[in-house]
Amino acid sequence: MVRFAAGAGLTEAYRSLLYLEQVLERGVKTVQSWSGPEGIERYLAADPKGRLIQSLKSFLTSESLRSTEVFGRRRTLEELIARILRDLREKAERHFGQEVRTAVVGRPVHFVGAEREYHNMFAEGRLTEAFRIAGFDSVQFEMEPVAAAHFYESRLDHNELILIGDFGGGTSDFSLVQVGPAVLKRGRTPEDLIGNAGVGLAGDAFDSKIVRHLVSPALGAGTDMRSMEKVLPVPGWVYSKLEHWHHLSFLKAKETLTMLRSVRGHAFEPDRIEALIHLIQEDLGYELHRAVQKVKCDLSEQETARFVFSDGYVGLDELVRRDDFESWIDEELRQIEDCVDGLLASSSVSPDEVDMVFLTGGTSFVPAVRRIFESRFGKDRIRAGNEFTSVARGLALKSLALQSK
């Protein structure tokens, strides 16, 4: 397993973010980029900051988002993703001391925003093109929950029917899979995958509710402004974007900032709009995300936690109760429940027939999410481990199996 430099230590996780900065070299402006842990470090150290772009995979199904402007030049989504993939490939080549031109890649059962299978195929095609641009000759995709099943299976000494719950940032995916030594000995067949299901929400959707209830009101959401002798609400679409922290960099556009400065001049609470402008101008999406993640993690371990976010014009310090947070995400929890129940029903599998449930991904730590599975399968049948790397480890095992054929 490749480990990446992160601050003073090493990490097995490689965040799919890209930081771009305009630099002056010999009188010529050029754009340099960094990804993963190195990108985070460059971004945090920069003053003024460049452009931080995050969760690019979440936009793959969008036919309207073909490109974005970065320092005066249009760059396609595939090109931006390819920069991350190229960095990963080059780091892997240095680590292993050989060329890397093939990849086994995880993909969600349903990409974020996919309403039909066409959208999934469209997204997979764009991801394939990004790998091509990054220098890969061949790419094979594996469903992420199935990849997690490969990892789980590697530790088994008996056969099981398992339910894999893989909670990513933008998707929650579930698979019913036959696994075990006998399956490995005879060779896996399509019939071993009993069923797949997914829903386009997970950790990011939970985060958005924290932003909606704790952050947006402090930045002017729900307040009013005066326009042509009329009292009107401050435009709400900006706060909808703000709830998706990886969209924040797209708000850093001239026309958006001009509009917000005009709103500030007519707002009843201009200081809150000024704080919003500061958040966008300084591209503080990553810092905001860290604060949201911290309170979410704290609430997974205790009944109350403090949400703290402070930078310049923005200063928040609020006590949050777990039951309040769970009420905010009630709709998302119901959708996850419906997805799991629907998978069992469509596969004609009862909860009693499932030998074990393996949960992976950061959102699997949320107590309300775990209760969904404990209520159906019992605590004894819930397993977890390597929550942030089990999919990657399973993909590595799949790649080894393919090479041995």
Protein backbone atom coordinates (compact mmCIF):
# COMPACT_ATOMS: atom_id res chain seq x y z
CA MET A 1 0.00 0.00 0.00
CA VAL A 2 1.44 3.38 -1.03
CA ARG A 3 1.67 5.98 1.73
CA PHE A 4 1.73 9.69 1.01
CA ALA A 5 3.52 12.51 2.82
CA ALA A 6 1.09 14.54 4.92
CA GLY A 7 2.53 17.20 7.19
CA ALA A 8 5.07 15.53 9.47
CA GLY A 9 3.76 12.02 8.86
CA LEU A 10 2.34 9.62 6.29
CA THR A 11 -1.22 8.78 5.25
CA GLU A 12 -2.82 6.02 3.18
CA ALA A 13 -5.66 8.36 2.12
CA TYR A 14 -5.34 10.64 -0.91
CA ARG A 15 -8.00 13.36 -0.96
CA SER A 16 -9.41 13.96 -4.44
CA LEU A 17 -8.87 17.70 -4.39
CA LEU A 18 -6.84 20.01 -6.59
CA TYR A 19 -5.17 23.27 -5.61
CA LEU A 20 -4.11 25.62 -8.40
CA GLU A 21 -1.99 28.73 -8.04
CA GLN A 22 -0.86 31.36 -10.52
CA VAL A 23 2.86 32.04 -10.26
CA LEU A 24 5.20 34.46 -12.05
CA GLU A 25 8.27 32.81 -13.57
CA ARG A 26 10.74 34.95 -15.53
CA GLY A 27 8.04 37.50 -16.22
CA VAL A 28 5.54 34.90 -17.46
CA LYS A 29 2.43 33.87 -15.52
CA THR A 30 1.96 30.11 -15.27
CA VAL A 31 -0.47 27.93 -13.36
CA GLN A 32 0.90 25.25 -11.07
CA SER A 33 -1.18 22.55 -9.40
CA TRP A 34 -0.93 20.20 -6.43
CA SER A 35 -3.31 17.45 -5.37
CA GLY A 36 -4.07 15.29 -2.35
CA PRO A 37 -2.24 15.96 0.94
CA GLU A 38 0.31 18.18 -0.79
CA GLY A 39 -2.49 20.29 -2.26
CA ILE A 40 -4.00 20.78 1.20
CA GLU A 41 -0.64 21.91 2.63
CA ARG A 42 -0.02 24.36 -0.24
CA TYR A 43 -3.53 25.77 0.13
CA LEU A 44 -3.27 26.26 3.89
CA ALA A 45 0.13 27.97 3.56
CA ALA A 46 -0.86 30.25 0.67
CA ASP A 47 -1.57 33.97 1.15
CA PRO A 48 -3.31 35.07 -0.95
CA LYS A 49 -4.92 31.78 -1.81
CA GLY A 50 -5.30 30.33 -5.27
CA ARG A 51 -8.14 28.04 -6.38
CA LEU A 52 -9.09 24.96 -4.37
CA ILE A 53 -11.36 22.52 -6.22
CA GLN A 54 -12.82 19.56 -4.35
CA SER A 55 -15.06 16.50 -4.87
CA LEU A 56 -14.78 16.68 -8.65
CA LYS A 57 -16.33 13.21 -9.02
CA SER A 58 -19.60 14.68 -7.73
CA PHE A 59 -19.97 16.64 -10.98
CA LEU A 60 -19.44 13.77 -13.42
CA THR A 61 -23.14 13.27 -14.21
CA SER A 62 -23.67 16.97 -14.98
CA GLU A 63 -24.00 17.54 -18.71
CA SER A 64 -24.10 21.30 -18.14
CA LEU A 65 -20.81 21.44 -16.23
CA ARG A 66 -18.32 20.74 -19.00
CA SER A 67 -15.62 23.16 -17.86
CA THR A 68 -14.76 25.96 -15.47
CA GLU A 69 -12.54 29.02 -15.76
CA VAL A 70 -9.27 28.86 -13.84
CA PHE A 71 -7.12 31.99 -14.00
CA GLY A 72 -8.60 33.10 -17.31
CA ARG A 73 -8.53 29.73 -19.08
CA ARG A 74 -11.32 27.21 -19.53
CA ARG A 75 -10.44 23.76 -18.22
CA THR A 76 -12.65 20.72 -18.69
CA LEU A 77 -13.74 18.59 -15.78
CA GLU A 78 -11.84 15.66 -17.29
CA GLU A 79 -8.62 17.72 -17.43
CA LEU A 80 -8.93 18.73 -13.78
CA ILE A 81 -9.56 15.15 -12.63
CA ALA A 82 -6.67 14.00 -14.83
CA ARG A 83 -4.28 16.28 -12.93
CA ILE A 84 -5.09 14.42 -9.72
CA LEU A 85 -4.80 11.03 -11.43
CA ARG A 86 -1.49 11.97 -13.05
CA ASP A 87 -0.05 12.91 -9.65
CA LEU A 88 -1.25 9.60 -8.22
CA ARG A 89 0.24 7.65 -11.13
CA GLU A 90 3.62 9.39 -10.85
CA LYS A 91 3.77 8.88 -7.08
CA ALA A 92 2.93 5.19 -7.52
CA GLU A 93 5.64 4.84 -10.19
CA ARG A 94 8.24 6.35 -7.87
CA HIS A 95 7.11 4.08 -5.04
CA PHE A 96 7.12 0.83 -7.04
CA GLY A 97 9.98 1.73 -9.37
CA GLN A 98 8.08 0.81 -12.53
CA GLU A 99 5.60 2.21 -15.02
CA VAL A 100 1.92 2.26 -14.04
CA ARG A 101 -0.38 2.29 -17.06
CA THR A 102 -3.36 0.16 -15.97
CA ALA A 103 -5.83 0.77 -13.17
CA VAL A 104 -8.65 -1.01 -11.37
CA VAL A 105 -10.96 1.79 -10.27
CA GLY A 106 -13.84 1.98 -7.84
CA ARG A 107 -17.11 3.60 -8.85
CA PRO A 108 -20.37 4.07 -6.96
CA VAL A 109 -23.42 1.99 -7.82
CA HIS A 110 -25.13 5.27 -8.71
CA PHE A 111 -23.03 8.37 -9.31
CA VAL A 112 -24.11 11.57 -7.57
CA GLY A 113 -26.95 13.12 -9.56
CA ALA A 114 -27.67 9.99 -11.63
CA GLU A 115 -31.38 9.69 -12.33
CA ARG A 116 -31.10 7.07 -15.09
CA GLU A 117 -28.53 4.46 -16.09
CA TYR A 118 -27.53 6.77 -18.93
CA HIS A 119 -26.15 9.21 -16.35
CA ASN A 120 -24.03 6.46 -14.77
CA MET A 121 -22.59 5.50 -18.15
CA PHE A 122 -21.98 9.16 -19.01
CA ALA A 123 -20.11 9.67 -15.73
CA GLU A 124 -18.06 6.49 -16.18
CA GLY A 125 -17.15 7.59 -19.70
CA ARG A 126 -15.90 10.96 -18.44
CA LEU A 127 -13.88 9.23 -15.73
CA THR A 128 -12.38 6.89 -18.34
CA GLU A 129 -11.35 9.90 -20.44
CA ALA A 130 -9.71 11.51 -17.39
CA PHE A 131 -7.62 8.37 -16.86
CA ARG A 132 -6.62 8.43 -20.55
CA ILE A 133 -5.50 12.06 -20.28
CA ALA A 134 -3.54 11.16 -17.14
CA GLY A 135 -1.49 8.58 -19.08
CA PHE A 136 -3.31 5.30 -18.35
CA ASP A 137 -3.70 2.81 -21.18
CA SER A 138 -6.49 0.71 -19.66
CA VAL A 139 -9.05 1.09 -16.88
CA GLN A 140 -11.35 -1.50 -15.34
CA PHE A 141 -14.16 -0.44 -13.02
CA GLU A 142 -15.48 -2.25 -9.97
CA MET A 143 -18.47 -1.27 -7.86
CA GLU A 144 -17.14 0.22 -4.63
CA PRO A 145 -19.21 -1.96 -2.26
CA VAL A 146 -18.05 -5.04 -4.19
CA ALA A 147 -14.46 -3.85 -3.81
CA ALA A 148 -15.05 -3.59 -0.06
CA ALA A 149 -16.37 -7.17 -0.21
CA HIS A 150 -13.05 -8.32 -1.69
CA PHE A 151 -11.26 -6.82 1.31
CA TYR A 152 -13.70 -8.35 3.81
CA GLU A 153 -13.45 -11.74 2.11
CA SER A 154 -9.65 -11.78 2.42
CA ARG A 155 -10.01 -12.30 6.18
CA LEU A 156 -12.60 -15.12 6.04
CA ASP A 157 -12.10 -18.84 6.69
CA HIS A 158 -15.72 -19.74 5.84
CA ASN A 159 -18.42 -18.78 3.35
CA GLU A 160 -20.94 -16.02 4.02
CA LEU A 161 -23.73 -14.03 2.41
CA ILE A 162 -22.81 -10.46 3.33
CA LEU A 163 -24.38 -7.06 2.97
CA ILE A 164 -21.78 -4.39 2.25
CA GLY A 165 -22.65 -0.80 3.14
CA ASP A 166 -20.17 1.64 1.58
CA PHE A 167 -20.70 5.27 2.64
CA GLY A 168 -18.70 7.76 0.59
CA GLY A 169 -18.89 11.52 0.47
CA GLY A 170 -21.66 11.72 -2.12
CA THR A 171 -23.13 8.22 -2.37
CA SER A 172 -24.27 5.36 -0.15
CA ASP A 173 -23.93 2.01 -1.91
CA PHE A 174 -25.07 -1.45 -0.86
CA SER A 175 -24.37 -4.92 -2.24
CA LEU A 176 -25.42 -8.43 -1.28
CA VAL A 177 -22.51 -10.73 -2.12
CA GLN A 178 -21.58 -14.38 -1.63
CA VAL A 179 -18.00 -14.48 -0.33
CA GLY A 180 -15.56 -16.96 1.20
CA PRO A 181 -12.89 -19.57 0.49
CA ALA A 182 -15.15 -21.73 -1.67
CA VAL A 183 -16.00 -18.73 -3.88
CA LEU A 184 -12.33 -17.88 -4.29
CA LYS A 185 -11.41 -21.51 -5.04
CA ARG A 186 -13.98 -22.00 -7.82
CA GLY A 187 -13.67 -18.46 -9.10
CA ARG A 188 -16.16 -15.63 -8.65
CA THR A 189 -19.16 -15.61 -10.99
CA PRO A 190 -21.78 -12.93 -11.70
CA GLU A 191 -24.27 -15.01 -9.69
CA ASP A 192 -22.25 -14.32 -6.51
CA LEU A 193 -23.41 -10.71 -6.66
CA ILE A 194 -26.98 -11.12 -5.46
CA GLY A 195 -27.97 -7.49 -5.73
CA ASN A 196 -26.81 -3.87 -5.85
CA ALA A 197 -28.47 -0.63 -4.81
CA GLY A 198 -27.38 2.91 -4.10
CA VAL A 199 -28.61 6.36 -3.23
CA GLY A 200 -26.94 9.66 -4.12
CA LEU A 201 -26.35 10.93 -0.61
CA ALA A 202 -23.99 10.24 2.28
CA GLY A 203 -21.51 12.28 4.29
CA ASP A 204 -21.78 15.42 2.18
CA ALA A 205 -25.57 15.48 2.60
CA PHE A 206 -25.17 15.25 6.38
CA ASP A 207 -22.58 18.04 6.25
CA SER A 208 -24.93 20.25 4.27
CA LYS A 209 -27.52 20.10 7.04
CA ILE A 210 -24.93 21.27 9.58
CA VAL A 211 -24.09 24.19 7.30
CA ARG A 212 -27.80 24.98 6.80
CA HIS A 213 -28.59 25.09 10.50
CA LEU A 214 -25.37 26.49 11.97
CA VAL A 215 -23.44 28.42 9.32
CA SER A 216 -25.83 29.92 6.75
CA PRO A 217 -27.94 31.90 9.28
CA ALA A 218 -24.76 33.61 10.53
CA LEU A 219 -23.98 34.57 6.92
CA GLY A 220 -27.33 36.16 6.18
CA ALA A 221 -29.58 33.27 5.13
CA GLY A 222 -33.20 34.09 5.93
CA THR A 223 -32.53 37.82 6.33
CA ASP A 224 -34.05 40.61 4.25
CA MET A 225 -32.94 43.50 2.06
CA ARG A 226 -34.63 46.61 0.67
CA SER A 227 -34.98 46.95 -3.10
CA MET A 228 -37.06 49.59 -4.89
CA GLU A 229 -39.00 50.37 -1.71
CA LYS A 230 -39.79 46.68 -1.33
CA VAL A 231 -38.57 44.27 1.35
CA LEU A 232 -37.18 41.15 -0.27
CA PRO A 233 -35.34 38.09 1.06
CA VAL A 234 -31.61 37.89 0.48
CA PRO A 235 -31.06 35.56 -2.55
CA GLY A 236 -31.20 31.98 -1.29
CA TRP A 237 -29.40 30.20 -4.14
CA VAL A 238 -26.00 31.28 -2.78
CA TYR A 239 -26.70 29.45 0.48
CA SER A 240 -27.79 26.34 -1.42
CA LYS A 241 -24.35 26.35 -3.05
CA LEU A 242 -22.72 27.02 0.31
CA GLU A 243 -24.29 23.87 1.75
CA HIS A 244 -22.19 21.84 -0.70
CA TRP A 245 -18.75 22.88 0.46
CA HIS A 246 -17.06 21.60 -2.71
CA HIS A 247 -19.20 24.11 -4.69
CA LEU A 248 -17.79 27.06 -2.75
CA SER A 249 -14.91 27.69 -5.17
CA PHE A 250 -17.46 28.06 -8.00
CA LEU A 251 -19.03 31.00 -6.12
CA LYS A 252 -15.71 32.83 -6.41
CA ALA A 253 -16.78 34.40 -9.69
CA LYS A 254 -16.77 38.09 -10.51
CA GLU A 255 -20.50 38.30 -11.22
CA THR A 256 -21.42 36.51 -7.95
CA LEU A 257 -19.21 38.74 -5.80
CA THR A 258 -20.54 41.86 -7.57
CA MET A 259 -24.10 40.73 -6.84
CA LEU A 260 -23.28 40.07 -3.15
CA ARG A 261 -21.67 43.49 -2.73
CA SER A 262 -24.85 45.03 -4.10
CA VAL A 263 -26.92 42.91 -1.68
CA ARG A 264 -24.67 44.04 1.19
CA GLY A 265 -25.46 47.67 0.34
CA HIS A 266 -29.20 47.04 0.68
CA ALA A 267 -29.24 44.38 3.40
CA PHE A 268 -30.81 44.92 6.82
CA GLU A 269 -27.89 42.98 8.32
CA PRO A 270 -24.93 43.91 6.10
CA ASP A 271 -22.32 42.47 8.51
CA ARG A 272 -23.61 38.97 7.82
CA ILE A 273 -23.36 39.47 4.07
CA GLU A 274 -19.84 40.84 4.55
CA ALA A 275 -18.94 37.63 6.39
CA LEU A 276 -20.33 35.60 3.46
CA ILE A 277 -18.28 37.62 0.97
CA HIS A 278 -15.17 37.06 3.10
CA LEU A 279 -15.77 33.29 3.18
CA ILE A 280 -16.08 33.17 -0.60
CA GLN A 281 -13.24 35.57 -1.43
CA GLU A 282 -10.80 33.75 0.84
CA ASP A 283 -11.96 30.36 -0.49
CA LEU A 284 -12.48 28.99 3.01
CA GLY A 285 -14.41 25.89 1.94
CA TYR A 286 -11.77 23.51 3.21
CA GLU A 287 -11.58 25.15 6.65
CA LEU A 288 -15.37 25.15 6.84
CA HIS A 289 -15.43 21.48 5.86
CA ARG A 290 -12.92 20.61 8.59
CA ALA A 291 -15.04 22.35 11.22
CA VAL A 292 -18.18 20.54 10.01
CA GLN A 293 -16.38 17.20 9.94
CA LYS A 294 -15.07 17.71 13.46
CA VAL A 295 -18.45 18.39 15.02
CA LYS A 296 -19.96 15.44 13.10
CA CYS A 297 -17.21 13.12 14.36
CA ASP A 298 -17.54 14.46 17.91
CA LEU A 299 -21.29 13.84 17.84
CA SER A 300 -20.60 10.23 16.83
CA GLU A 301 -18.80 9.75 20.14
CA GLN A 302 -20.73 12.02 22.52
CA GLU A 303 -24.20 13.47 23.01
CA THR A 304 -23.13 17.12 22.64
CA ALA A 305 -20.28 18.86 20.81
CA ARG A 306 -19.14 22.39 20.03
CA PHE A 307 -19.14 23.70 16.49
CA VAL A 308 -16.31 26.22 16.15
CA PHE A 309 -15.40 28.13 13.00
CA SER A 310 -13.55 31.42 13.10
CA ASP A 311 -11.78 33.38 10.39
CA GLY A 312 -11.81 37.15 9.97
CA TYR A 313 -15.42 38.31 9.70
CA VAL A 314 -16.79 34.85 10.51
CA GLY A 315 -16.91 33.71 14.13
CA LEU A 316 -19.11 30.80 15.22
CA ASP A 317 -19.11 28.87 18.49
CA GLU A 318 -22.26 26.85 19.18
CA LEU A 319 -23.17 23.83 21.28
CA VAL A 320 -24.83 21.11 19.19
CA ARG A 321 -26.86 18.18 20.52
CA ARG A 322 -26.79 14.79 18.82
CA ASP A 323 -30.58 14.51 18.79
CA ASP A 324 -30.81 17.88 17.00
CA PHE A 325 -28.33 16.73 14.38
CA GLU A 326 -30.27 13.50 13.89
CA SER A 327 -33.48 15.48 13.40
CA TRP A 328 -31.72 17.55 10.69
CA ILE A 329 -30.73 14.40 8.76
CA ASP A 330 -33.99 12.51 9.27
CA GLU A 331 -34.95 12.64 5.58
CA GLU A 332 -31.55 11.29 4.50
CA LEU A 333 -31.74 8.48 7.06
CA ARG A 334 -35.14 7.45 5.68
CA GLN A 335 -33.74 7.33 2.15
CA ILE A 336 -30.90 5.06 3.30
CA GLU A 337 -33.43 2.83 5.09
CA ASP A 338 -35.61 2.63 1.99
CA CYS A 339 -32.58 1.76 -0.17
CA VAL A 340 -31.49 -1.09 2.12
CA ASP A 341 -35.04 -2.45 2.44
CA GLY A 342 -35.54 -2.16 -1.31
CA LEU A 343 -32.35 -4.12 -2.00
CA LEU A 344 -33.43 -6.93 0.33
CA ALA A 345 -36.89 -7.06 -1.25
CA SER A 346 -35.68 -6.96 -4.87
CA SER A 347 -33.12 -9.69 -4.11
CA SER A 348 -35.68 -11.85 -2.26
CA VAL A 349 -33.35 -11.99 0.75
CA SER A 350 -34.65 -11.66 4.30
CA PRO A 351 -32.54 -10.00 7.03
CA ASP A 352 -32.23 -13.42 8.75
CA GLU A 353 -30.50 -14.86 5.66
CA VAL A 354 -27.69 -12.29 5.79
CA ASP A 355 -24.74 -13.76 7.69
CA MET A 356 -22.90 -10.50 8.26
CA VAL A 357 -23.05 -6.77 7.52
CA PHE A 358 -19.80 -4.96 6.74
CA LEU A 359 -19.96 -1.16 6.99
CA THR A 360 -17.24 1.07 5.58
CA GLY A 361 -16.73 4.79 4.98
CA GLY A 362 -16.74 7.69 7.43
CA THR A 363 -20.52 8.04 7.63
CA SER A 364 -20.76 4.48 8.97
CA PHE A 365 -19.58 5.90 12.32
CA VAL A 366 -22.74 8.04 12.70
CA PRO A 367 -24.84 6.33 15.41
CA ALA A 368 -28.14 6.96 13.62
CA VAL A 369 -26.77 5.22 10.52
CA ARG A 370 -25.54 2.22 12.52
CA ARG A 371 -28.98 1.91 14.15
CA ILE A 372 -30.52 1.32 10.71
CA PHE A 373 -28.53 -1.90 10.42
CA GLU A 374 -28.61 -2.90 14.08
CA SER A 375 -32.42 -2.75 14.07
CA ARG A 376 -32.60 -5.09 11.05
CA PHE A 377 -29.68 -7.45 11.61
CA GLY A 378 -28.70 -7.08 15.27
CA LYS A 379 -25.44 -5.74 16.71
CA ASP A 380 -23.77 -9.18 16.60
CA ARG A 381 -23.78 -9.23 12.80
CA ILE A 382 -22.31 -5.75 12.26
CA ARG A 383 -18.65 -5.59 11.30
CA ALA A 384 -16.36 -2.69 10.43
CA GLY A 385 -12.69 -1.93 9.95
CA ASN A 386 -10.35 0.12 7.73
CA GLU A 387 -13.33 2.40 7.12
CA PHE A 388 -11.37 4.83 4.93
CA THR A 389 -9.23 2.37 2.95
CA SER A 390 -11.20 -0.89 2.64
CA VAL A 391 -12.40 -0.06 -0.90
CA ALA A 392 -8.86 0.75 -2.05
CA ARG A 393 -7.53 -2.43 -0.44
CA GLY A 394 -10.26 -4.46 -2.12
CA LEU A 395 -9.44 -2.92 -5.50
CA ALA A 396 -5.78 -3.87 -5.00
CA LEU A 397 -6.83 -7.48 -4.31
CA LYS A 398 -9.03 -7.45 -7.44
CA SER A 399 -6.07 -6.19 -9.47
CA LEU A 400 -3.83 -8.97 -8.12
CA ALA A 401 -6.47 -11.56 -9.01
CA LEU A 402 -6.68 -10.23 -12.56
CA GLN A 403 -2.89 -10.32 -12.96
CA SER A 404 -2.73 -13.94 -11.81
CA LYS A 405 -5.14 -15.15 -14.51
